[in-house]
Amino acid sequence: MDAKMRCRRWTALWATCSLSACSTTYIPVVTPGTRCELPAAMQSSCTAPTRLEIGLTYADLLRVYQADRKALQDCATRQEAALKAVATCNAEIDRLNADLAKLNEAVKAR
């Protein structure tokens, strides 16, 4: 590339940059975020307790009780964690949407 061509390109680049500095910059208004929701798989209820059969020994009854109790505790822990995660996510989205609303108002006021 010869020097004359380079000079033309630099001149065009300079003209573009200097003219864009004088123009109005359009900043689009950003829409607020959506709410957090649990996936359908995580909204399932806890498993039903084991049905007791006739003729169980006391040892079998204790094993069934312990398994049901553990399943219920695990389910309660999962549900509590899911609810906390959704609440935290929604609180953060609300905070960001409030900040976004302030920014959008500032852009509209210009």
N, C-alpha and C. Protein backbone atom coordinates (compact mmCIF):
# COMPACT_ATOMS: atom_id res chain seq x y z
N MET A 1 0.86 -1.17 0.00
CA MET A 1 0.00 0.00 0.00
C MET A 1 0.91 1.24 0.00
N ASP A 2 0.61 2.14 -0.85
CA ASP A 2 1.46 3.32 -0.97
C ASP A 2 1.06 4.37 0.07
N ALA A 3 1.88 5.37 0.20
CA ALA A 3 1.69 6.40 1.21
C ALA A 3 0.43 7.22 0.96
N LYS A 4 0.10 7.44 -0.31
CA LYS A 4 -1.09 8.23 -0.64
C LYS A 4 -2.37 7.51 -0.18
N MET A 5 -2.40 6.19 -0.36
CA MET A 5 -3.57 5.41 0.05
C MET A 5 -3.70 5.39 1.58
N ARG A 6 -2.56 5.25 2.26
CA ARG A 6 -2.57 5.28 3.72
C ARG A 6 -3.06 6.62 4.24
N CYS A 7 -2.65 7.67 3.61
CA CYS A 7 -3.07 9.01 4.00
C CYS A 7 -4.57 9.17 3.84
N ARG A 8 -5.13 8.65 2.74
CA ARG A 8 -6.58 8.74 2.52
C ARG A 8 -7.34 7.97 3.59
N ARG A 9 -6.84 6.79 3.93
CA ARG A 9 -7.52 5.99 4.96
C ARG A 9 -7.48 6.68 6.32
N TRP A 10 -6.33 7.23 6.67
CA TRP A 10 -6.24 7.94 7.95
C TRP A 10 -7.14 9.17 7.97
N THR A 11 -7.23 9.85 6.84
CA THR A 11 -8.10 11.02 6.75
C THR A 11 -9.56 10.61 6.91
N ALA A 12 -9.95 9.52 6.27
CA ALA A 12 -11.33 9.03 6.38
C ALA A 12 -11.62 8.60 7.81
N LEU A 13 -10.67 7.92 8.45
CA LEU A 13 -10.85 7.49 9.83
C LEU A 13 -10.96 8.70 10.76
N TRP A 14 -10.11 9.71 10.56
CA TRP A 14 -10.16 10.90 11.40
C TRP A 14 -11.49 11.64 11.22
N ALA A 15 -11.96 11.75 9.98
CA ALA A 15 -13.22 12.44 9.72
C ALA A 15 -14.38 11.70 10.37
N THR A 16 -14.37 10.39 10.28
CA THR A 16 -15.44 9.59 10.90
C THR A 16 -15.46 9.77 12.40
N CYS A 17 -14.29 9.70 13.01
CA CYS A 17 -14.22 9.85 14.47
C CYS A 17 -14.61 11.24 14.93
N SER A 18 -14.16 12.25 14.21
CA SER A 18 -14.47 13.62 14.64
C SER A 18 -15.95 13.93 14.43
N LEU A 19 -16.57 13.42 13.36
CA LEU A 19 -17.98 13.67 13.14
C LEU A 19 -18.86 12.90 14.13
N SER A 20 -18.40 11.72 14.50
CA SER A 20 -19.21 10.94 15.45
C SER A 20 -19.17 11.58 16.84
N ALA A 21 -18.14 12.33 17.14
CA ALA A 21 -18.07 13.00 18.44
C ALA A 21 -19.10 14.11 18.54
N CYS A 22 -19.51 14.67 17.42
CA CYS A 22 -20.48 15.75 17.42
C CYS A 22 -21.92 15.26 17.37
N SER A 23 -22.11 14.01 17.02
CA SER A 23 -23.48 13.51 16.87
C SER A 23 -24.05 13.05 18.21
N THR A 24 -25.35 12.88 18.23
CA THR A 24 -26.03 12.40 19.43
C THR A 24 -25.90 10.88 19.49
N THR A 25 -25.56 10.39 20.64
CA THR A 25 -25.45 8.96 20.82
C THR A 25 -26.76 8.44 21.37
N TYR A 26 -27.33 7.47 20.71
CA TYR A 26 -28.60 6.88 21.15
C TYR A 26 -28.30 5.71 22.07
N ILE A 27 -28.81 5.78 23.27
CA ILE A 27 -28.67 4.67 24.22
C ILE A 27 -30.06 4.07 24.39
N PRO A 28 -30.23 2.81 24.01
CA PRO A 28 -31.57 2.22 24.09
C PRO A 28 -32.01 2.01 25.53
N VAL A 29 -33.30 2.06 25.73
CA VAL A 29 -33.86 1.80 27.05
C VAL A 29 -33.89 0.29 27.23
N VAL A 30 -33.29 -0.19 28.30
CA VAL A 30 -33.19 -1.62 28.55
C VAL A 30 -34.40 -2.06 29.36
N THR A 31 -34.97 -3.17 28.97
CA THR A 31 -36.16 -3.67 29.68
C THR A 31 -35.74 -4.40 30.94
N PRO A 32 -36.60 -4.40 31.95
CA PRO A 32 -36.28 -5.08 33.21
C PRO A 32 -36.21 -6.59 33.01
N GLY A 33 -35.47 -7.24 33.90
CA GLY A 33 -35.34 -8.69 33.85
C GLY A 33 -36.58 -9.39 34.36
N THR A 34 -36.66 -10.65 34.06
CA THR A 34 -37.81 -11.45 34.49
C THR A 34 -37.56 -12.06 35.86
N ARG A 35 -38.59 -12.66 36.40
CA ARG A 35 -38.50 -13.28 37.72
C ARG A 35 -37.86 -14.67 37.60
N CYS A 36 -37.25 -15.12 38.68
CA CYS A 36 -36.67 -16.46 38.73
C CYS A 36 -37.78 -17.46 39.06
N GLU A 37 -37.70 -18.58 38.43
CA GLU A 37 -38.67 -19.65 38.71
C GLU A 37 -37.92 -20.97 38.79
N LEU A 38 -38.48 -21.88 39.56
CA LEU A 38 -37.89 -23.21 39.67
C LEU A 38 -38.25 -24.04 38.45
N PRO A 39 -37.33 -24.87 37.98
CA PRO A 39 -37.69 -25.80 36.92
C PRO A 39 -38.74 -26.78 37.42
N ALA A 40 -39.51 -27.33 36.52
CA ALA A 40 -40.60 -28.25 36.90
C ALA A 40 -40.07 -29.45 37.68
N ALA A 41 -38.88 -29.92 37.35
CA ALA A 41 -38.33 -31.08 38.05
C ALA A 41 -38.08 -30.78 39.53
N MET A 42 -37.76 -29.53 39.84
CA MET A 42 -37.49 -29.18 41.24
C MET A 42 -38.75 -28.84 42.01
N GLN A 43 -39.86 -28.69 41.31
CA GLN A 43 -41.11 -28.36 41.98
C GLN A 43 -41.87 -29.60 42.42
N SER A 44 -41.32 -30.76 42.16
CA SER A 44 -42.02 -31.99 42.51
C SER A 44 -42.12 -32.14 44.02
N SER A 45 -43.14 -32.82 44.44
CA SER A 45 -43.34 -32.99 45.88
C SER A 45 -42.47 -34.14 46.38
N CYS A 46 -42.45 -34.30 47.68
CA CYS A 46 -41.66 -35.36 48.30
C CYS A 46 -42.29 -36.72 48.01
N THR A 47 -41.47 -37.73 48.08
CA THR A 47 -41.98 -39.08 47.84
C THR A 47 -42.91 -39.50 48.98
N ALA A 48 -43.85 -40.34 48.63
CA ALA A 48 -44.81 -40.84 49.63
C ALA A 48 -44.10 -41.82 50.57
N PRO A 49 -44.58 -41.90 51.80
CA PRO A 49 -43.96 -42.86 52.73
C PRO A 49 -44.21 -44.30 52.26
N THR A 50 -43.34 -45.17 52.69
CA THR A 50 -43.45 -46.58 52.33
C THR A 50 -44.68 -47.19 53.01
N ARG A 51 -45.39 -47.99 52.23
CA ARG A 51 -46.57 -48.66 52.81
C ARG A 51 -46.10 -49.82 53.68
N LEU A 52 -46.71 -49.95 54.82
CA LEU A 52 -46.37 -51.03 55.74
C LEU A 52 -47.18 -52.27 55.39
N GLU A 53 -46.49 -53.38 55.35
CA GLU A 53 -47.14 -54.64 55.03
C GLU A 53 -47.46 -55.39 56.32
N ILE A 54 -48.42 -56.23 56.23
CA ILE A 54 -48.78 -57.06 57.38
C ILE A 54 -47.66 -58.08 57.58
N GLY A 55 -47.31 -58.29 58.81
CA GLY A 55 -46.30 -59.29 59.13
C GLY A 55 -44.90 -58.74 59.25
N LEU A 56 -44.73 -57.42 59.24
CA LEU A 56 -43.39 -56.85 59.42
C LEU A 56 -42.90 -57.09 60.83
N THR A 57 -41.61 -57.35 60.93
CA THR A 57 -41.03 -57.46 62.26
C THR A 57 -40.74 -56.05 62.78
N TYR A 58 -40.43 -55.97 64.04
CA TYR A 58 -40.11 -54.67 64.62
C TYR A 58 -38.86 -54.09 63.97
N ALA A 59 -37.88 -54.92 63.64
CA ALA A 59 -36.65 -54.46 62.98
C ALA A 59 -36.97 -53.91 61.59
N ASP A 60 -37.85 -54.60 60.85
CA ASP A 60 -38.26 -54.11 59.53
C ASP A 60 -38.99 -52.78 59.65
N LEU A 61 -39.84 -52.68 60.64
CA LEU A 61 -40.58 -51.44 60.88
C LEU A 61 -39.63 -50.28 61.17
N LEU A 62 -38.60 -50.53 61.95
CA LEU A 62 -37.62 -49.47 62.26
C LEU A 62 -36.84 -49.07 61.00
N ARG A 63 -36.48 -50.05 60.16
CA ARG A 63 -35.77 -49.72 58.91
C ARG A 63 -36.64 -48.86 58.00
N VAL A 64 -37.91 -49.23 57.87
CA VAL A 64 -38.83 -48.45 57.03
C VAL A 64 -38.98 -47.05 57.61
N TYR A 65 -39.14 -46.95 58.91
CA TYR A 65 -39.28 -45.65 59.56
C TYR A 65 -38.05 -44.77 59.30
N GLN A 66 -36.87 -45.35 59.47
CA GLN A 66 -35.63 -44.59 59.28
C GLN A 66 -35.48 -44.14 57.82
N ALA A 67 -35.81 -45.02 56.89
CA ALA A 67 -35.71 -44.66 55.47
C ALA A 67 -36.71 -43.55 55.13
N ASP A 68 -37.95 -43.66 55.63
CA ASP A 68 -38.95 -42.61 55.38
C ASP A 68 -38.55 -41.29 56.01
N ARG A 69 -38.04 -41.36 57.23
CA ARG A 69 -37.62 -40.14 57.93
C ARG A 69 -36.49 -39.45 57.18
N LYS A 70 -35.50 -40.24 56.71
CA LYS A 70 -34.37 -39.68 55.96
C LYS A 70 -34.86 -39.07 54.64
N ALA A 71 -35.75 -39.74 53.94
CA ALA A 71 -36.28 -39.22 52.68
C ALA A 71 -37.03 -37.91 52.91
N LEU A 72 -37.79 -37.83 53.98
CA LEU A 72 -38.53 -36.61 54.31
C LEU A 72 -37.59 -35.47 54.65
N GLN A 73 -36.53 -35.75 55.42
CA GLN A 73 -35.56 -34.71 55.76
C GLN A 73 -34.81 -34.22 54.52
N ASP A 74 -34.41 -35.15 53.65
CA ASP A 74 -33.72 -34.77 52.41
C ASP A 74 -34.62 -33.90 51.54
N CYS A 75 -35.87 -34.29 51.44
CA CYS A 75 -36.82 -33.53 50.62
C CYS A 75 -37.02 -32.12 51.19
N ALA A 76 -37.17 -32.03 52.50
CA ALA A 76 -37.35 -30.72 53.14
C ALA A 76 -36.12 -29.84 52.93
N THR A 77 -34.94 -30.43 53.00
CA THR A 77 -33.70 -29.68 52.78
C THR A 77 -33.62 -29.17 51.35
N ARG A 78 -33.98 -30.02 50.36
CA ARG A 78 -33.97 -29.61 48.96
C ARG A 78 -34.97 -28.49 48.72
N GLN A 79 -36.16 -28.62 49.27
CA GLN A 79 -37.18 -27.59 49.05
C GLN A 79 -36.78 -26.27 49.69
N GLU A 80 -36.21 -26.33 50.88
CA GLU A 80 -35.78 -25.11 51.56
C GLU A 80 -34.67 -24.42 50.77
N ALA A 81 -33.71 -25.21 50.27
CA ALA A 81 -32.62 -24.64 49.48
C ALA A 81 -33.15 -24.02 48.19
N ALA A 82 -34.10 -24.69 47.55
CA ALA A 82 -34.66 -24.16 46.31
C ALA A 82 -35.41 -22.86 46.57
N LEU A 83 -36.19 -22.81 47.64
CA LEU A 83 -36.93 -21.59 47.97
C LEU A 83 -35.99 -20.43 48.29
N LYS A 84 -34.92 -20.72 49.02
CA LYS A 84 -33.94 -19.67 49.33
C LYS A 84 -33.26 -19.17 48.06
N ALA A 85 -32.92 -20.09 47.15
CA ALA A 85 -32.26 -19.70 45.91
C ALA A 85 -33.17 -18.81 45.07
N VAL A 86 -34.44 -19.16 44.97
CA VAL A 86 -35.38 -18.36 44.19
C VAL A 86 -35.59 -16.99 44.85
N ALA A 87 -35.71 -16.98 46.18
CA ALA A 87 -35.90 -15.71 46.89
C ALA A 87 -34.68 -14.80 46.70
N THR A 88 -33.49 -15.36 46.80
CA THR A 88 -32.27 -14.58 46.60
C THR A 88 -32.18 -14.06 45.17
N CYS A 89 -32.50 -14.92 44.22
CA CYS A 89 -32.46 -14.52 42.82
C CYS A 89 -33.46 -13.40 42.54
N ASN A 90 -34.68 -13.54 43.04
CA ASN A 90 -35.70 -12.50 42.82
C ASN A 90 -35.32 -11.19 43.50
N ALA A 91 -34.73 -11.26 44.68
CA ALA A 91 -34.30 -10.04 45.37
C ALA A 91 -33.22 -9.33 44.56
N GLU A 92 -32.30 -10.10 43.99
CA GLU A 92 -31.23 -9.51 43.18
C GLU A 92 -31.80 -8.90 41.90
N ILE A 93 -32.75 -9.60 41.29
CA ILE A 93 -33.38 -9.06 40.07
C ILE A 93 -34.14 -7.77 40.40
N ASP A 94 -34.84 -7.74 41.53
CA ASP A 94 -35.54 -6.52 41.94
C ASP A 94 -34.57 -5.36 42.13
N ARG A 95 -33.41 -5.65 42.75
CA ARG A 95 -32.42 -4.60 42.97
C ARG A 95 -31.87 -4.10 41.63
N LEU A 96 -31.55 -5.02 40.74
CA LEU A 96 -31.03 -4.62 39.43
C LEU A 96 -32.08 -3.88 38.60
N ASN A 97 -33.35 -4.31 38.70
CA ASN A 97 -34.41 -3.61 37.97
C ASN A 97 -34.60 -2.19 38.50
N ALA A 98 -34.45 -2.00 39.80
CA ALA A 98 -34.55 -0.65 40.37
C ALA A 98 -33.42 0.24 39.86
N ASP A 99 -32.20 -0.32 39.83
CA ASP A 99 -31.07 0.43 39.29
C ASP A 99 -31.28 0.74 37.81
N LEU A 100 -31.81 -0.22 37.09
CA LEU A 100 -32.08 -0.05 35.67
C LEU A 100 -33.13 1.03 35.43
N ALA A 101 -34.16 1.07 36.27
CA ALA A 101 -35.19 2.09 36.14
C ALA A 101 -34.60 3.49 36.35
N LYS A 102 -33.70 3.62 37.32
CA LYS A 102 -33.04 4.90 37.56
C LYS A 102 -32.21 5.33 36.34
N LEU A 103 -31.47 4.38 35.78
CA LEU A 103 -30.66 4.69 34.60
C LEU A 103 -31.53 5.06 33.40
N ASN A 104 -32.62 4.34 33.21
CA ASN A 104 -33.51 4.64 32.08
C ASN A 104 -34.13 6.02 32.24
N GLU A 105 -34.50 6.40 33.47
CA GLU A 105 -35.06 7.73 33.72
C GLU A 105 -34.01 8.80 33.43
N ALA A 106 -32.76 8.53 33.82
CA ALA A 106 -31.69 9.49 33.57
C ALA A 106 -31.45 9.66 32.07
N VAL A 107 -31.54 8.58 31.32
CA VAL A 107 -31.34 8.66 29.87
C VAL A 107 -32.50 9.40 29.22
N LYS A 108 -33.72 9.17 29.68
CA LYS A 108 -34.89 9.86 29.12
C LYS A 108 -34.86 11.35 29.43
N ALA A 109 -34.29 11.72 30.57
CA ALA A 109 -34.25 13.12 30.98
C ALA A 109 -33.26 13.95 30.16
N ARG A 110 -32.37 13.31 29.47
CA ARG A 110 -31.36 14.05 28.68
C ARG A 110 -31.96 14.78 27.53
